[in-house]
Amino acid sequence: MQLIRTLLLLASTVSASVVASDYRDDGNYDQGNYYGSYDDSMGDYFDKSAAPQQGGPGLVKLAAGSAAGWFLGGKIHAKRTVTKLKKKHAQERAAFVQLYREQVGALQEFNKESARIIQAMESSIIARQNGVPAEIDTVPFFMADTDGSKKISKHEFDKYVREYLMNYPGLKPEDIPRWENFDHDHSGQITFDEYNQQMAKEIRKAQYRAAKG
């Protein structure tokens, strides 16, 4: 009985050896070779995947590309912002210059008009000293005489009447004596004497209407 067991054990051992030998010959079940191959292939895989981390060129390139993109984007954005600010500044400056010119022009016109009024009042005082009646307002004559010629042209007369009516909206053109009423000699100009004579007539007419009414 003991002999039979020994023979069976020996047969099993031989059979296992044959099978193991066959597996090694096929190259499919050799555990040593299999795990060795697995280790080598996975080792190569991890070596390759770890290469960018060990050497760092991929990460450096990525970081450099990101930095370049950020810098270029920021530069473009800054350039657009500067362009918008320059355009806005130019528009505001143009508006300021236009407003400044308008105000300076208005101030110059005001100064010019003020000087003309002062000159007219001074001339009126001189006329009073030369015997012109106090009831006659000589200021309008010197106001209308814009060129200082001591005579009023048709153009000067019409301009003065327009401005006068604008300053006194309640008046009508028929409330003001016409050009023909002043130009007594039909010379095309109104002299200071003609103005005084017509204004004296207008005063007498006004007094007559007031007394009659």
N, C-alpha and C. Protein backbone atom coordinates (compact mmCIF):
# COMPACT_ATOMS: atom_id res chain seq x y z
N MET A 1 0.83 -1.20 0.00
CA MET A 1 0.00 0.00 0.00
C MET A 1 0.86 1.25 0.00
N GLN A 2 1.88 1.14 0.82
CA GLN A 2 2.82 2.26 0.88
C GLN A 2 3.54 2.42 -0.44
N LEU A 3 3.80 1.41 -1.11
CA LEU A 3 4.49 1.44 -2.40
C LEU A 3 3.64 2.10 -3.46
N ILE A 4 2.32 1.81 -3.43
CA ILE A 4 1.39 2.40 -4.42
C ILE A 4 1.34 3.89 -4.25
N ARG A 5 1.26 4.34 -3.00
CA ARG A 5 1.22 5.79 -2.73
C ARG A 5 2.48 6.47 -3.24
N THR A 6 3.59 5.84 -3.05
CA THR A 6 4.87 6.41 -3.49
C THR A 6 4.91 6.55 -5.00
N LEU A 7 4.40 5.53 -5.72
CA LEU A 7 4.39 5.57 -7.18
C LEU A 7 3.45 6.67 -7.69
N LEU A 8 2.27 6.81 -7.07
CA LEU A 8 1.32 7.87 -7.47
C LEU A 8 1.92 9.26 -7.26
N LEU A 9 2.60 9.45 -6.16
CA LEU A 9 3.22 10.74 -5.88
C LEU A 9 4.30 11.05 -6.87
N LEU A 10 5.05 10.04 -7.25
CA LEU A 10 6.12 10.22 -8.23
C LEU A 10 5.55 10.56 -9.59
N ALA A 11 4.43 9.90 -9.95
CA ALA A 11 3.81 10.17 -11.24
C ALA A 11 3.27 11.59 -11.28
N SER A 12 2.68 12.02 -10.19
CA SER A 12 2.14 13.39 -10.14
C SER A 12 3.24 14.42 -10.27
N THR A 13 4.35 14.14 -9.65
CA THR A 13 5.48 15.07 -9.70
C THR A 13 6.02 15.20 -11.12
N VAL A 14 6.16 14.03 -11.79
CA VAL A 14 6.67 14.02 -13.16
C VAL A 14 5.70 14.74 -14.08
N SER A 15 4.39 14.50 -13.89
CA SER A 15 3.38 15.14 -14.75
C SER A 15 3.39 16.64 -14.58
N ALA A 16 3.54 17.07 -13.35
CA ALA A 16 3.57 18.53 -13.09
C ALA A 16 4.79 19.14 -13.70
N SER A 17 5.88 18.44 -13.67
CA SER A 17 7.11 18.97 -14.27
C SER A 17 6.96 19.10 -15.76
N VAL A 18 6.32 18.10 -16.39
CA VAL A 18 6.12 18.16 -17.85
C VAL A 18 5.25 19.33 -18.23
N VAL A 19 4.14 19.51 -17.47
CA VAL A 19 3.22 20.61 -17.78
C VAL A 19 3.90 21.95 -17.61
N ALA A 20 4.66 22.05 -16.54
CA ALA A 20 5.37 23.32 -16.30
C ALA A 20 6.36 23.58 -17.40
N SER A 21 7.00 22.49 -17.87
CA SER A 21 7.97 22.66 -18.95
C SER A 21 7.29 23.09 -20.22
N ASP A 22 6.11 22.50 -20.48
CA ASP A 22 5.37 22.89 -21.69
C ASP A 22 4.94 24.35 -21.63
N TYR A 23 4.52 24.76 -20.48
CA TYR A 23 4.09 26.17 -20.35
C TYR A 23 5.24 27.13 -20.57
N ARG A 24 6.39 26.74 -20.07
CA ARG A 24 7.54 27.61 -20.26
C ARG A 24 7.97 27.65 -21.70
N ASP A 25 7.83 26.50 -22.40
CA ASP A 25 8.21 26.47 -23.82
C ASP A 25 7.29 27.35 -24.63
N ASP A 26 5.99 27.36 -24.32
CA ASP A 26 5.06 28.21 -25.09
C ASP A 26 5.27 29.68 -24.78
N GLY A 27 5.81 30.01 -23.64
CA GLY A 27 6.07 31.42 -23.30
C GLY A 27 4.88 32.15 -22.81
N ASN A 28 3.79 31.39 -22.48
CA ASN A 28 2.56 32.07 -22.07
C ASN A 28 2.35 32.03 -20.57
N TYR A 29 2.81 30.99 -19.93
CA TYR A 29 2.50 30.83 -18.52
C TYR A 29 3.74 30.82 -17.67
N ASP A 30 4.81 31.26 -18.21
CA ASP A 30 6.03 31.39 -17.42
C ASP A 30 5.87 32.59 -16.52
N GLN A 31 5.58 32.32 -15.25
CA GLN A 31 5.29 33.42 -14.34
C GLN A 31 6.48 34.33 -14.17
N GLY A 32 7.64 33.72 -14.16
CA GLY A 32 8.84 34.56 -14.00
C GLY A 32 8.99 35.49 -15.17
N ASN A 33 8.88 34.92 -16.38
CA ASN A 33 9.00 35.76 -17.58
C ASN A 33 7.83 36.74 -17.68
N TYR A 34 6.63 36.30 -17.29
CA TYR A 34 5.44 37.15 -17.44
C TYR A 34 5.55 38.37 -16.55
N TYR A 35 5.83 38.11 -15.29
CA TYR A 35 5.93 39.26 -14.39
C TYR A 35 7.13 40.11 -14.68
N GLY A 36 8.16 39.42 -15.18
CA GLY A 36 9.34 40.21 -15.56
C GLY A 36 9.01 41.12 -16.70
N SER A 37 8.29 40.59 -17.71
CA SER A 37 7.89 41.40 -18.86
C SER A 37 6.95 42.50 -18.43
N TYR A 38 6.03 42.18 -17.51
CA TYR A 38 5.08 43.19 -17.02
C TYR A 38 5.81 44.30 -16.32
N ASP A 39 6.78 43.88 -15.49
CA ASP A 39 7.52 44.90 -14.76
C ASP A 39 8.30 45.80 -15.70
N ASP A 40 8.90 45.16 -16.71
CA ASP A 40 9.69 45.96 -17.64
C ASP A 40 8.80 46.93 -18.41
N SER A 41 7.65 46.44 -18.92
CA SER A 41 6.79 47.31 -19.72
C SER A 41 6.21 48.42 -18.87
N MET A 42 5.75 48.10 -17.68
CA MET A 42 5.19 49.13 -16.82
C MET A 42 6.26 50.08 -16.35
N GLY A 43 7.45 49.53 -16.17
CA GLY A 43 8.56 50.41 -15.79
C GLY A 43 8.85 51.43 -16.86
N ASP A 44 8.86 50.90 -18.11
CA ASP A 44 9.08 51.83 -19.22
C ASP A 44 7.96 52.86 -19.29
N TYR A 45 6.70 52.42 -19.01
CA TYR A 45 5.55 53.33 -19.09
C TYR A 45 5.70 54.45 -18.06
N PHE A 46 6.01 54.02 -16.83
CA PHE A 46 6.12 55.04 -15.79
C PHE A 46 7.34 55.92 -16.01
N ASP A 47 8.40 55.32 -16.56
CA ASP A 47 9.59 56.14 -16.86
C ASP A 47 9.25 57.20 -17.87
N LYS A 48 8.48 56.83 -18.93
CA LYS A 48 8.14 57.78 -19.99
C LYS A 48 7.18 58.85 -19.48
N SER A 49 6.19 58.42 -18.68
CA SER A 49 5.22 59.39 -18.20
C SER A 49 5.83 60.32 -17.18
N ALA A 50 6.85 59.86 -16.50
CA ALA A 50 7.49 60.70 -15.49
C ALA A 50 8.54 61.60 -16.08
N ALA A 51 8.88 61.39 -17.36
CA ALA A 51 9.96 62.17 -17.97
C ALA A 51 9.70 63.65 -17.95
N PRO A 52 8.46 64.15 -18.29
CA PRO A 52 8.24 65.60 -18.26
C PRO A 52 8.41 66.17 -16.86
N GLN A 53 8.03 65.34 -15.83
CA GLN A 53 8.17 65.86 -14.49
C GLN A 53 9.60 65.88 -14.05
N GLN A 54 10.37 64.86 -14.47
CA GLN A 54 11.76 64.83 -14.06
C GLN A 54 12.57 65.89 -14.79
N GLY A 55 12.46 65.92 -16.13
CA GLY A 55 13.25 66.87 -16.91
C GLY A 55 12.60 68.25 -16.90
N GLY A 56 11.22 68.34 -16.95
CA GLY A 56 10.48 69.59 -16.87
C GLY A 56 10.31 70.37 -18.15
N PRO A 57 10.73 69.95 -19.35
CA PRO A 57 10.58 70.80 -20.54
C PRO A 57 9.13 71.02 -20.93
N GLY A 58 8.26 70.01 -20.76
CA GLY A 58 6.84 70.17 -21.11
C GLY A 58 6.15 71.18 -20.22
N LEU A 59 6.44 71.07 -18.92
CA LEU A 59 5.83 72.00 -17.97
C LEU A 59 6.34 73.42 -18.18
N VAL A 60 7.61 73.55 -18.49
CA VAL A 60 8.20 74.87 -18.74
C VAL A 60 7.57 75.51 -19.97
N LYS A 61 7.42 74.68 -21.02
CA LYS A 61 6.81 75.20 -22.25
C LYS A 61 5.37 75.65 -22.00
N LEU A 62 4.64 74.83 -21.21
CA LEU A 62 3.25 75.19 -20.91
C LEU A 62 3.18 76.49 -20.12
N ALA A 63 4.06 76.60 -19.13
CA ALA A 63 4.08 77.82 -18.31
C ALA A 63 4.48 79.03 -19.16
N ALA A 64 5.46 78.84 -20.03
CA ALA A 64 5.91 79.93 -20.89
C ALA A 64 4.82 80.37 -21.85
N GLY A 65 4.10 79.38 -22.43
CA GLY A 65 3.00 79.70 -23.34
C GLY A 65 1.89 80.45 -22.63
N SER A 66 1.57 80.03 -21.41
CA SER A 66 0.52 80.71 -20.64
C SER A 66 0.93 82.14 -20.32
N ALA A 67 2.19 82.30 -19.91
CA ALA A 67 2.68 83.65 -19.57
C ALA A 67 2.68 84.55 -20.80
N ALA A 68 3.10 84.00 -21.94
CA ALA A 68 3.12 84.80 -23.17
C ALA A 68 1.71 85.21 -23.59
N GLY A 69 0.77 84.25 -23.48
CA GLY A 69 -0.62 84.57 -23.82
C GLY A 69 -1.20 85.62 -22.90
N TRP A 70 -0.90 85.49 -21.61
CA TRP A 70 -1.40 86.48 -20.65
C TRP A 70 -0.81 87.85 -20.92
N PHE A 71 0.49 87.89 -21.20
CA PHE A 71 1.15 89.16 -21.46
C PHE A 71 0.62 89.80 -22.75
N LEU A 72 0.47 88.98 -23.81
CA LEU A 72 -0.03 89.52 -25.08
C LEU A 72 -1.46 90.01 -24.93
N GLY A 73 -2.31 89.23 -24.23
CA GLY A 73 -3.70 89.67 -24.01
C GLY A 73 -3.77 90.95 -23.21
N GLY A 74 -2.95 91.04 -22.17
CA GLY A 74 -2.92 92.26 -21.36
C GLY A 74 -2.45 93.45 -22.16
N LYS A 75 -1.47 93.25 -23.02
CA LYS A 75 -0.95 94.33 -23.85
C LYS A 75 -2.00 94.83 -24.83
N ILE A 76 -2.74 93.90 -25.45
CA ILE A 76 -3.80 94.29 -26.40
C ILE A 76 -4.90 95.04 -25.67
N HIS A 77 -5.29 94.52 -24.50
CA HIS A 77 -6.34 95.19 -23.73
C HIS A 77 -5.90 96.58 -23.30
N ALA A 78 -4.64 96.71 -22.86
CA ALA A 78 -4.13 98.02 -22.45
C ALA A 78 -4.10 98.99 -23.63
N LYS A 79 -3.73 98.49 -24.80
CA LYS A 79 -3.67 99.35 -25.99
C LYS A 79 -5.07 99.84 -26.35
N ARG A 80 -6.07 98.95 -26.29
CA ARG A 80 -7.44 99.36 -26.58
C ARG A 80 -7.94 100.38 -25.58
N THR A 81 -7.60 100.16 -24.30
CA THR A 81 -8.02 101.11 -23.27
C THR A 81 -7.40 102.47 -23.49
N VAL A 82 -6.11 102.49 -23.82
CA VAL A 82 -5.42 103.76 -24.08
C VAL A 82 -6.03 104.47 -25.28
N THR A 83 -6.37 103.70 -26.32
CA THR A 83 -6.99 104.29 -27.51
C THR A 83 -8.33 104.92 -27.18
N LYS A 84 -9.15 104.21 -26.39
CA LYS A 84 -10.45 104.75 -25.99
C LYS A 84 -10.29 106.01 -25.16
N LEU A 85 -9.33 105.99 -24.23
CA LEU A 85 -9.10 107.16 -23.38
C LEU A 85 -8.62 108.36 -24.20
N LYS A 86 -7.74 108.10 -25.18
CA LYS A 86 -7.26 109.18 -26.03
C LYS A 86 -8.41 109.78 -26.84
N LYS A 87 -9.28 108.91 -27.37
CA LYS A 87 -10.42 109.39 -28.15
C LYS A 87 -11.36 110.21 -27.30
N LYS A 88 -11.64 109.71 -26.08
CA LYS A 88 -12.52 110.44 -25.17
C LYS A 88 -11.89 111.78 -24.79
N HIS A 89 -10.58 111.77 -24.52
CA HIS A 89 -9.89 113.00 -24.16
C HIS A 89 -9.93 114.00 -25.31
N ALA A 90 -9.75 113.52 -26.53
CA ALA A 90 -9.79 114.41 -27.70
C ALA A 90 -11.17 115.03 -27.86
N GLN A 91 -12.23 114.23 -27.65
CA GLN A 91 -13.59 114.76 -27.76
C GLN A 91 -13.88 115.79 -26.68
N GLU A 92 -13.46 115.49 -25.44
CA GLU A 92 -13.68 116.44 -24.35
C GLU A 92 -12.88 117.72 -24.58
N ARG A 93 -11.67 117.58 -25.10
CA ARG A 93 -10.83 118.75 -25.36
C ARG A 93 -11.45 119.61 -26.46
N ALA A 94 -11.97 118.96 -27.50
CA ALA A 94 -12.61 119.70 -28.59
C ALA A 94 -13.84 120.45 -28.09
N ALA A 95 -14.64 119.79 -27.23
CA ALA A 95 -15.82 120.45 -26.67
C ALA A 95 -15.43 121.62 -25.78
N PHE A 96 -14.36 121.43 -25.00
CA PHE A 96 -13.89 122.51 -24.13
C PHE A 96 -13.38 123.69 -24.95
N VAL A 97 -12.62 123.40 -25.99
CA VAL A 97 -12.09 124.47 -26.84
C VAL A 97 -13.23 125.23 -27.52
N GLN A 98 -14.24 124.48 -27.99
CA GLN A 98 -15.39 125.13 -28.64
C GLN A 98 -16.13 126.03 -27.64
N LEU A 99 -16.35 125.52 -26.43
CA LEU A 99 -17.02 126.32 -25.40
C LEU A 99 -16.19 127.54 -25.03
N TYR A 100 -14.88 127.35 -24.95
CA TYR A 100 -13.99 128.47 -24.62
C TYR A 100 -14.05 129.55 -25.69
N ARG A 101 -14.04 129.13 -26.94
CA ARG A 101 -14.12 130.10 -28.03
C ARG A 101 -15.44 130.85 -28.02
N GLU A 102 -16.52 130.12 -27.75
CA GLU A 102 -17.83 130.78 -27.71
C GLU A 102 -17.89 131.80 -26.58
N GLN A 103 -17.36 131.42 -25.42
CA GLN A 103 -17.39 132.33 -24.28
C GLN A 103 -16.49 133.54 -24.52
N VAL A 104 -15.33 133.28 -25.09
CA VAL A 104 -14.42 134.40 -25.39
C VAL A 104 -15.05 135.33 -26.42
N GLY A 105 -15.70 134.74 -27.44
CA GLY A 105 -16.38 135.55 -28.45
C GLY A 105 -17.50 136.39 -27.85
N ALA A 106 -18.27 135.76 -26.94
CA ALA A 106 -19.36 136.50 -26.28
C ALA A 106 -18.80 137.62 -25.41
N LEU A 107 -17.70 137.34 -24.73
CA LEU A 107 -17.08 138.36 -23.89
C LEU A 107 -16.54 139.52 -24.72
N GLN A 108 -15.92 139.20 -25.82
CA GLN A 108 -15.40 140.25 -26.71
C GLN A 108 -16.53 141.10 -27.27
N GLU A 109 -17.62 140.44 -27.65
CA GLU A 109 -18.78 141.19 -28.16
C GLU A 109 -19.37 142.08 -27.08
N PHE A 110 -19.43 141.54 -25.85
CA PHE A 110 -19.95 142.34 -24.74
C PHE A 110 -19.06 143.55 -24.48
N ASN A 111 -17.75 143.33 -24.48
CA ASN A 111 -16.82 144.44 -24.27
C ASN A 111 -16.94 145.48 -25.38
N LYS A 112 -17.10 144.99 -26.58
CA LYS A 112 -17.25 145.90 -27.72
C LYS A 112 -18.53 146.72 -27.59
N GLU A 113 -19.63 146.06 -27.22
CA GLU A 113 -20.90 146.76 -27.06
C GLU A 113 -20.83 147.75 -25.90
N SER A 114 -20.17 147.34 -24.82
CA SER A 114 -20.04 148.23 -23.67
C SER A 114 -19.23 149.48 -24.04
N ALA A 115 -18.16 149.28 -24.78
CA ALA A 115 -17.35 150.42 -25.21
C ALA A 115 -18.15 151.35 -26.11
N ARG A 116 -19.00 150.77 -26.95
CA ARG A 116 -19.83 151.58 -27.84
C ARG A 116 -20.85 152.41 -27.06
N ILE A 117 -21.44 151.80 -26.03
CA ILE A 117 -22.41 152.52 -25.20
C ILE A 117 -21.73 153.67 -24.45
N ILE A 118 -20.57 153.38 -23.90
CA ILE A 118 -19.83 154.42 -23.17
C ILE A 118 -19.48 155.58 -24.10
N GLN A 119 -19.01 155.25 -25.29
CA GLN A 119 -18.67 156.29 -26.26
C GLN A 119 -19.91 157.10 -26.66
N ALA A 120 -21.04 156.41 -26.84
CA ALA A 120 -22.28 157.11 -27.19
C ALA A 120 -22.71 158.05 -26.07
N MET A 121 -22.59 157.62 -24.83
CA MET A 121 -22.96 158.47 -23.71
C MET A 121 -22.02 159.67 -23.59
N GLU A 122 -20.75 159.46 -23.81
CA GLU A 122 -19.80 160.57 -23.78
C GLU A 122 -20.12 161.58 -24.89
N SER A 123 -20.44 161.07 -26.08
CA SER A 123 -20.79 161.98 -27.19
C SER A 123 -22.08 162.74 -26.88
N SER A 124 -23.02 162.05 -26.21
CA SER A 124 -24.28 162.71 -25.85
C SER A 124 -24.04 163.84 -24.84
N ILE A 125 -23.15 163.64 -23.90
CA ILE A 125 -22.82 164.68 -22.92
C ILE A 125 -22.21 165.89 -23.62
N ILE A 126 -21.33 165.63 -24.57
CA ILE A 126 -20.73 166.72 -25.33
C ILE A 126 -21.80 167.49 -26.11
N ALA A 127 -22.77 166.76 -26.69
CA ALA A 127 -23.87 167.40 -27.42
C ALA A 127 -24.69 168.29 -26.49
N ARG A 128 -24.90 167.83 -25.26
CA ARG A 128 -25.64 168.65 -24.30
C ARG A 128 -24.86 169.93 -24.00
N GLN A 129 -23.58 169.81 -23.89
CA GLN A 129 -22.76 170.99 -23.62
C GLN A 129 -22.78 171.97 -24.78
N ASN A 130 -23.07 171.47 -25.98
CA ASN A 130 -23.13 172.32 -27.18
C ASN A 130 -24.54 172.86 -27.45
N GLY A 131 -25.46 172.69 -26.49
CA GLY A 131 -26.76 173.31 -26.62
C GLY A 131 -27.89 172.41 -27.09
N VAL A 132 -27.70 171.14 -27.21
CA VAL A 132 -28.80 170.24 -27.61
C VAL A 132 -29.78 170.15 -26.44
N PRO A 133 -31.09 170.31 -26.68
CA PRO A 133 -32.08 170.26 -25.60
C PRO A 133 -32.02 168.95 -24.82
N ALA A 134 -32.27 169.02 -23.54
CA ALA A 134 -32.17 167.85 -22.66
C ALA A 134 -33.21 166.80 -23.00
N GLU A 135 -34.38 167.26 -23.54
CA GLU A 135 -35.44 166.29 -23.84
C GLU A 135 -35.12 165.41 -25.05
N ILE A 136 -34.13 165.82 -25.81
CA ILE A 136 -33.75 165.01 -26.99
C ILE A 136 -32.68 164.01 -26.58
N ASP A 137 -32.99 162.73 -26.75
CA ASP A 137 -32.03 161.67 -26.42
C ASP A 137 -31.11 161.47 -27.62
N THR A 138 -29.86 161.91 -27.46
CA THR A 138 -28.91 161.80 -28.57
C THR A 138 -28.11 160.49 -28.55
N VAL A 139 -28.29 159.70 -27.49
CA VAL A 139 -27.53 158.44 -27.38
C VAL A 139 -27.83 157.50 -28.56
N PRO A 140 -29.11 157.34 -28.97
CA PRO A 140 -29.37 156.43 -30.10
C PRO A 140 -28.60 156.80 -31.36
N PHE A 141 -28.42 158.10 -31.61
CA PHE A 141 -27.68 158.49 -32.82
C PHE A 141 -26.26 157.95 -32.78
N PHE A 142 -25.60 158.16 -31.65
CA PHE A 142 -24.20 157.71 -31.54
C PHE A 142 -24.10 156.19 -31.43
N MET A 143 -25.16 155.55 -30.96
CA MET A 143 -25.18 154.08 -30.93
C MET A 143 -25.32 153.52 -32.35
N ALA A 144 -26.14 154.18 -33.15
CA ALA A 144 -26.34 153.72 -34.53
C ALA A 144 -25.14 154.01 -35.41
N ASP A 145 -24.38 155.03 -35.08
CA ASP A 145 -23.20 155.42 -35.86
C ASP A 145 -22.03 154.51 -35.48
N THR A 146 -22.05 153.31 -36.01
CA THR A 146 -21.04 152.30 -35.63
C THR A 146 -19.66 152.58 -36.19
N ASP A 147 -19.57 153.32 -37.30
CA ASP A 147 -18.25 153.59 -37.88
C ASP A 147 -17.67 154.92 -37.41
N GLY A 148 -18.41 155.65 -36.56
CA GLY A 148 -17.89 156.91 -36.01
C GLY A 148 -17.77 158.04 -37.01
N SER A 149 -18.55 157.99 -38.07
CA SER A 149 -18.48 159.02 -39.12
C SER A 149 -19.35 160.24 -38.81
N LYS A 150 -20.08 160.22 -37.69
CA LYS A 150 -21.03 161.29 -37.32
C LYS A 150 -22.20 161.35 -38.28
N LYS A 151 -22.40 160.29 -39.02
CA LYS A 151 -23.53 160.16 -39.92
C LYS A 151 -24.03 158.71 -39.86
N ILE A 152 -25.33 158.55 -40.13
CA ILE A 152 -25.93 157.22 -40.07
C ILE A 152 -26.35 156.80 -41.47
N SER A 153 -25.83 155.68 -41.94
CA SER A 153 -26.22 155.14 -43.25
C SER A 153 -27.50 154.34 -43.11
N LYS A 154 -28.08 153.99 -44.26
CA LYS A 154 -29.31 153.19 -44.25
C LYS A 154 -29.06 151.83 -43.59
N HIS A 155 -27.91 151.24 -43.86
CA HIS A 155 -27.57 149.95 -43.27
C HIS A 155 -27.45 150.08 -41.75
N GLU A 156 -26.79 151.11 -41.27
CA GLU A 156 -26.64 151.31 -39.83
C GLU A 156 -28.00 151.57 -39.17
N PHE A 157 -28.85 152.33 -39.84
CA PHE A 157 -30.17 152.64 -39.31
C PHE A 157 -31.01 151.36 -39.15
N ASP A 158 -31.06 150.55 -40.21
CA ASP A 158 -31.85 149.32 -40.16
C ASP A 158 -31.32 148.36 -39.10
N LYS A 159 -30.03 148.27 -38.97
CA LYS A 159 -29.44 147.38 -37.97
C LYS A 159 -29.80 147.84 -36.56
N TYR A 160 -29.73 149.16 -36.34
CA TYR A 160 -30.06 149.68 -35.01
C TYR A 160 -31.53 149.43 -34.68
N VAL A 161 -32.41 149.62 -35.65
CA VAL A 161 -33.84 149.40 -35.42
C VAL A 161 -34.11 147.94 -35.07
N ARG A 162 -33.48 147.00 -35.79
CA ARG A 162 -33.67 145.57 -35.50
C ARG A 162 -33.23 145.24 -34.08
N GLU A 163 -32.05 145.73 -33.69
CA GLU A 163 -31.55 145.46 -32.34
C GLU A 163 -32.43 146.11 -31.28
N TYR A 164 -32.93 147.29 -31.58
CA TYR A 164 -33.78 147.99 -30.63
C TYR A 164 -35.09 147.25 -30.40
N LEU A 165 -35.66 146.75 -31.47
CA LEU A 165 -36.91 146.00 -31.35
C LEU A 165 -36.70 144.67 -30.61
N MET A 166 -35.54 144.08 -30.79
CA MET A 166 -35.23 142.84 -30.07
C MET A 166 -35.11 143.11 -28.57
N ASN A 167 -34.55 144.25 -28.20
CA ASN A 167 -34.39 144.58 -26.78
C ASN A 167 -35.71 145.03 -26.15
N TYR A 168 -36.64 145.48 -26.97
CA TYR A 168 -37.94 145.94 -26.46
C TYR A 168 -39.05 145.23 -27.25
N PRO A 169 -39.35 143.99 -26.89
CA PRO A 169 -40.33 143.19 -27.65
C PRO A 169 -41.72 143.82 -27.72
N GLY A 170 -42.06 144.70 -26.76
CA GLY A 170 -43.38 145.30 -26.76
C GLY A 170 -43.59 146.32 -27.86
N LEU A 171 -42.51 146.82 -28.44
CA LEU A 171 -42.61 147.81 -29.50
C LEU A 171 -42.84 147.15 -30.86
N LYS A 172 -43.39 147.93 -31.77
CA LYS A 172 -43.62 147.49 -33.14
C LYS A 172 -42.83 148.41 -34.09
N PRO A 173 -42.52 147.93 -35.29
CA PRO A 173 -41.76 148.77 -36.24
C PRO A 173 -42.43 150.12 -36.50
N GLU A 174 -43.75 150.15 -36.52
CA GLU A 174 -44.44 151.42 -36.79
C GLU A 174 -44.33 152.41 -35.63
N ASP A 175 -43.86 151.91 -34.46
CA ASP A 175 -43.68 152.82 -33.32
C ASP A 175 -42.39 153.63 -33.45
N ILE A 176 -41.53 153.26 -34.38
CA ILE A 176 -40.25 153.94 -34.57
C ILE A 176 -40.31 154.73 -35.87
N PRO A 177 -39.82 155.97 -35.85
CA PRO A 177 -39.82 156.77 -37.09
C PRO A 177 -39.07 156.07 -38.21
N ARG A 178 -39.54 156.23 -39.40
CA ARG A 178 -38.93 155.58 -40.55
C ARG A 178 -37.68 156.33 -41.01
N TRP A 179 -36.92 155.63 -41.84
CA TRP A 179 -35.70 156.21 -42.38
C TRP A 179 -35.97 157.52 -43.12
N GLU A 180 -37.04 157.54 -43.91
CA GLU A 180 -37.37 158.72 -44.73
C GLU A 180 -37.69 159.93 -43.85
N ASN A 181 -38.14 159.70 -42.64
CA ASN A 181 -38.46 160.82 -41.75
C ASN A 181 -37.20 161.54 -41.26
N PHE A 182 -36.09 160.81 -41.19
CA PHE A 182 -34.85 161.41 -40.71
C PHE A 182 -34.01 162.01 -41.85
N ASP A 183 -34.01 161.33 -42.98
CA ASP A 183 -33.17 161.77 -44.11
C ASP A 183 -33.89 162.91 -44.83
N HIS A 184 -33.79 164.11 -44.29
CA HIS A 184 -34.54 165.25 -44.83
C HIS A 184 -34.07 165.66 -46.22
N ASP A 185 -32.80 165.61 -46.45
CA ASP A 185 -32.29 166.06 -47.75
C ASP A 185 -32.13 164.91 -48.75
N HIS A 186 -32.54 163.72 -48.36
CA HIS A 186 -32.49 162.54 -49.24
C HIS A 186 -31.07 162.28 -49.76
N SER A 187 -30.13 162.47 -48.89
CA SER A 187 -28.73 162.25 -49.27
C SER A 187 -28.29 160.79 -49.05
N GLY A 188 -29.11 160.01 -48.41
CA GLY A 188 -28.74 158.63 -48.13
C GLY A 188 -28.02 158.49 -46.80
N GLN A 189 -27.92 159.59 -46.05
CA GLN A 189 -27.28 159.57 -44.74
C GLN A 189 -28.02 160.53 -43.80
N ILE A 190 -28.04 160.19 -42.54
CA ILE A 190 -28.67 161.03 -41.53
C ILE A 190 -27.58 161.74 -40.74
N THR A 191 -27.60 163.07 -40.79
CA THR A 191 -26.62 163.84 -40.02
C THR A 191 -27.14 164.04 -38.60
N PHE A 192 -26.25 164.53 -37.75
CA PHE A 192 -26.64 164.77 -36.36
C PHE A 192 -27.72 165.84 -36.27
N ASP A 193 -27.63 166.87 -37.09
CA ASP A 193 -28.66 167.93 -37.10
C ASP A 193 -30.00 167.37 -37.56
N GLU A 194 -30.00 166.54 -38.62
CA GLU A 194 -31.26 165.95 -39.09
C GLU A 194 -31.89 165.08 -38.00
N TYR A 195 -31.05 164.36 -37.29
CA TYR A 195 -31.56 163.52 -36.19
C TYR A 195 -32.20 164.37 -35.11
N ASN A 196 -31.52 165.45 -34.70
CA ASN A 196 -32.07 166.32 -33.66
C ASN A 196 -33.37 166.97 -34.10
N GLN A 197 -33.44 167.41 -35.33
CA GLN A 197 -34.67 168.05 -35.85
C GLN A 197 -35.84 167.07 -35.84
N GLN A 198 -35.59 165.85 -36.31
CA GLN A 198 -36.68 164.87 -36.36
C GLN A 198 -37.11 164.44 -34.96
N MET A 199 -36.14 164.29 -34.06
CA MET A 199 -36.47 163.90 -32.68
C MET A 199 -37.28 165.00 -32.00
N ALA A 200 -37.00 166.26 -32.29
CA ALA A 200 -37.79 167.37 -31.74
C ALA A 200 -39.22 167.30 -32.24
N LYS A 201 -39.38 166.95 -33.52
CA LYS A 201 -40.73 166.79 -34.06
C LYS A 201 -41.46 165.64 -33.38
N GLU A 202 -40.74 164.52 -33.18
CA GLU A 202 -41.37 163.36 -32.55
C GLU A 202 -41.80 163.68 -31.13
N ILE A 203 -41.01 164.48 -30.43
CA ILE A 203 -41.37 164.86 -29.06
C ILE A 203 -42.63 165.72 -29.06
N ARG A 204 -42.74 166.65 -29.99
CA ARG A 204 -43.93 167.51 -30.07
C ARG A 204 -45.17 166.68 -30.41
N LYS A 205 -45.00 165.69 -31.31
CA LYS A 205 -46.13 164.81 -31.65
C LYS A 205 -46.60 164.04 -30.43
N ALA A 206 -45.65 163.52 -29.67
CA ALA A 206 -46.00 162.75 -28.48
C ALA A 206 -46.70 163.63 -27.45
N GLN A 207 -46.22 164.85 -27.29
CA GLN A 207 -46.85 165.77 -26.34
C GLN A 207 -48.27 166.14 -26.81
N TYR A 208 -48.45 166.30 -28.08
CA TYR A 208 -49.77 166.65 -28.62
C TYR A 208 -50.76 165.49 -28.40
N ARG A 209 -50.30 164.25 -28.67
CA ARG A 209 -51.17 163.10 -28.48
C ARG A 209 -51.54 162.93 -27.01
N ALA A 210 -50.54 163.18 -26.13
CA ALA A 210 -50.82 163.04 -24.71
C ALA A 210 -51.82 164.09 -24.24
N ALA A 211 -51.69 165.31 -24.75
CA ALA A 211 -52.62 166.38 -24.34
C ALA A 211 -54.01 166.13 -24.90
N LYS A 212 -54.11 165.62 -26.09
CA LYS A 212 -55.41 165.38 -26.72
C LYS A 212 -56.11 164.19 -26.10
N GLY A 213 -55.29 163.18 -25.73
CA GLY A 213 -55.90 161.95 -25.22
C GLY A 213 -56.34 162.08 -23.79
